[in-house]
C-alpha atoms as a PDB file:
ATOM      1  CA  MET A   1       0.025  -0.124  -0.179  1.00  0.00           C
ATOM      2  CA  ALA A   2       2.815   2.536   1.100  1.00  0.00           C
ATOM      3  CA  ARG A   3       4.596   1.493  -2.548  1.00  0.00           C
ATOM      4  CA  VAL A   4       0.858   2.580  -4.220  1.00  0.00           C
ATOM      5  CA  ILE A   5       0.512   5.982  -2.453  1.00  0.00           C
ATOM      6  CA  MET A   6       4.961   6.651  -3.242  1.00  0.00           C
ATOM      7  CA  PHE A   7       3.846   5.963  -6.485  1.00  0.00           C
ATOM      8  CA  ALA A   8       0.876   8.324  -6.942  1.00  0.00           C
ATOM      9  CA  VAL A   9       2.532  10.772  -4.687  1.00  0.00           C
ATOM     10  CA  ALA A  10       5.458  10.898  -7.351  1.00  0.00           C
ATOM     11  CA  ALA A  11       3.173  11.047 -10.744  1.00  0.00           C
ATOM     12  CA  VAL A  12       1.231  13.927  -9.472  1.00  0.00           C
ATOM     13  CA  VAL A  13       4.784  15.671  -8.315  1.00  0.00           C
ATOM     14  CA  LEU A  14       5.731  15.045 -11.917  1.00  0.00           C
ATOM     15  CA  VAL A  15       2.325  16.457 -13.664  1.00  0.00           C
ATOM     16  CA  GLY A  16       2.095  19.385 -11.410  1.00  0.00           C
ATOM     17  CA  CYS A  17       5.142  21.393 -12.628  1.00  0.00           C
ATOM     18  CA  VAL A  18       3.579  24.457 -12.694  1.00  0.00           C
ATOM     19  CA  SER A  19       3.935  26.213  -9.631  1.00  0.00           C
ATOM     20  CA  PRO A  20       0.872  27.510  -7.576  1.00  0.00           C
ATOM     21  CA  GLU A  21       1.373  31.198  -9.199  1.00  0.00           C
ATOM     22  CA  GLU A  22       1.388  30.309 -12.429  1.00  0.00           C
ATOM     23  CA  TYR A  23      -1.743  28.517 -12.119  1.00  0.00           C
ATOM     24  CA  GLU A  24      -3.258  31.632 -10.448  1.00  0.00           C
ATOM     25  CA  ALA A  25      -1.712  33.877 -13.290  1.00  0.00           C
ATOM     26  CA  ARG A  26      -3.046  32.041 -16.057  1.00  0.00           C
ATOM     27  CA  ASP A  27      -6.659  31.511 -14.254  1.00  0.00           C
ATOM     28  CA  ARG A  28      -6.367  35.335 -13.568  1.00  0.00           C
ATOM     29  CA  ALA A  29      -5.417  36.170 -17.432  1.00  0.00           C
ATOM     30  CA  LEU A  30      -8.425  33.757 -19.120  1.00  0.00           C
ATOM     31  CA  CYS A  31     -10.625  35.355 -16.512  1.00  0.00           C
ATOM     32  CA  GLU A  32     -10.065  38.843 -17.533  1.00  0.00           C
ATOM     33  CA  GLU A  33     -10.293  38.242 -21.286  1.00  0.00           C
ATOM     34  CA  LYS A  34     -13.397  36.283 -20.525  1.00  0.00           C
ATOM     35  CA  THR A  35     -15.269  38.343 -18.472  1.00  0.00           C
ATOM     36  CA  GLY A  36     -13.155  42.288 -19.512  1.00  0.00           C
ATOM     37  CA  VAL A  37     -12.315  43.166 -15.785  1.00  0.00           C
ATOM     38  CA  LYS A  38      -9.485  43.321 -14.283  1.00  0.00           C
ATOM     39  CA  GLN A  39     -11.001  41.593 -11.282  1.00  0.00           C
ATOM     40  CA  SER A  40     -13.500  40.790  -8.883  1.00  0.00           C
ATOM     41  CA  GLU A  41     -15.131  44.721  -8.213  1.00  0.00           C
ATOM     42  CA  GLY A  42     -17.801  43.401  -5.710  1.00  0.00           C
ATOM     43  CA  ALA A  43     -21.013  40.852  -5.464  1.00  0.00           C
ATOM     44  CA  ASP A  44     -22.948  43.036  -7.004  1.00  0.00           C
ATOM     45  CA  SER A  45     -21.592  43.611  -9.948  1.00  0.00           C
ATOM     46  CA  THR A  46     -22.716  41.070 -12.391  1.00  0.00           C
ATOM     47  CA  VAL A  47     -19.395  40.971 -14.745  1.00  0.00           C
ATOM     48  CA  ALA A  48     -17.551  40.559 -11.397  1.00  0.00           C
ATOM     49  CA  THR A  49     -20.126  37.921 -10.458  1.00  0.00           C
ATOM     50  CA  ALA A  50     -18.577  36.306 -13.745  1.00  0.00           C
ATOM     51  CA  TYR A  51     -15.181  36.523 -13.138  1.00  0.00           C
ATOM     52  CA  ASP A  52     -16.051  34.692  -9.825  1.00  0.00           C
ATOM     53  CA  ARG A  53     -17.884  32.146 -11.774  1.00  0.00           C
ATOM     54  CA  CYS A  54     -15.131  31.543 -13.648  1.00  0.00           C
ATOM     55  CA  ARG A  55     -11.916  31.293 -11.049  1.00  0.00           C
ATOM     56  CA  GLN A  56     -14.085  29.217  -9.498  1.00  0.00           C
ATOM     57  CA  ASP A  57     -15.147  26.940 -12.326  1.00  0.00           C
ATOM     58  CA  LEU A  58     -11.316  27.184 -13.288  1.00  0.00           C
ATOM     59  CA  ALA A  59     -10.139  25.546  -9.917  1.00  0.00           C
ATOM     60  CA  ALA A  60     -12.850  22.936  -9.649  1.00  0.00           C
ATOM     61  CA  LYS A  61     -11.646  21.568 -13.478  1.00  0.00           C
ATOM     62  CA  ARG A  62      -8.221  21.301 -12.301  1.00  0.00           C
ATOM     63  CA  GLU A  63      -9.347  19.300  -9.272  1.00  0.00           C
ATOM     64  CA  ALA A  64     -11.239  17.141 -10.682  1.00  0.00           C
ATOM     65  CA  ALA A  65      -8.223  17.001 -13.197  1.00  0.00           C
ATOM     66  CA  ARG A  66      -6.045  16.220 -11.095  1.00  0.00           C
ATOM     67  CA  ARG A  67      -8.722  13.908  -9.368  1.00  0.00           C
ATOM     68  CA  ALA A  68      -8.484  11.671 -12.118  1.00  0.00           C
ATOM     69  CA  GLN A  69      -5.212  11.154 -12.656  1.00  0.00           C
ATOM     70  CA  THR A  70      -4.308   9.924  -9.392  1.00  0.00           C
ATOM     71  CA  GLU A  71      -7.087   7.501  -9.916  1.00  0.00           C
ATOM     72  CA  TRP A  72      -5.695   6.466 -13.185  1.00  0.00           C
ATOM     73  CA  ASN A  73      -2.127   6.383 -11.814  1.00  0.00           C
ATOM     74  CA  ILE A  74      -3.016   4.115  -9.064  1.00  0.00           C
ATOM     75  CA  THR A  75      -5.165   1.964 -11.575  1.00  0.00           C
ATOM     76  CA  ASN A  76      -2.364   1.401 -13.957  1.00  0.00           C
ATOM     77  CA  TYR A  77       0.116   0.707 -11.385  1.00  0.00           C
ATOM     78  CA  ARG A  78      -2.066  -1.580  -9.521  1.00  0.00           C
ATOM     79  CA  GLN A  79      -2.571  -3.607 -13.518  1.00  0.00           C
ATOM     80  CA  ASN A  80       0.758  -3.336 -14.024  1.00  0.00           C
ATOM     81  CA  VAL A  81       2.946  -3.596 -11.463  1.00  0.00           C
ATOM     82  CA  GLY A  82       0.717  -5.880  -8.672  1.00  0.00           C
ATOM     83  CA  ARG A  83      -0.834  -5.272  -5.166  1.00  0.00           C
END
């Protein structure tokens, strides 16, 4: 079991070579371009709400992809190396 965990952690580290700051900058730029605002301006603004929603959607998609990759790594390891 420890080997599986070690393999999964190693795979995530190798896949996740982009720093959190780089993800932040990419997300900010994408959502700024998509909504036309530089930053969230408050809950009353429809555009700011769209910006916040864009950021949340990107974070959720990234987390889902990370989880799927981890599950795939574990399954692949078990199939090829054994339990």
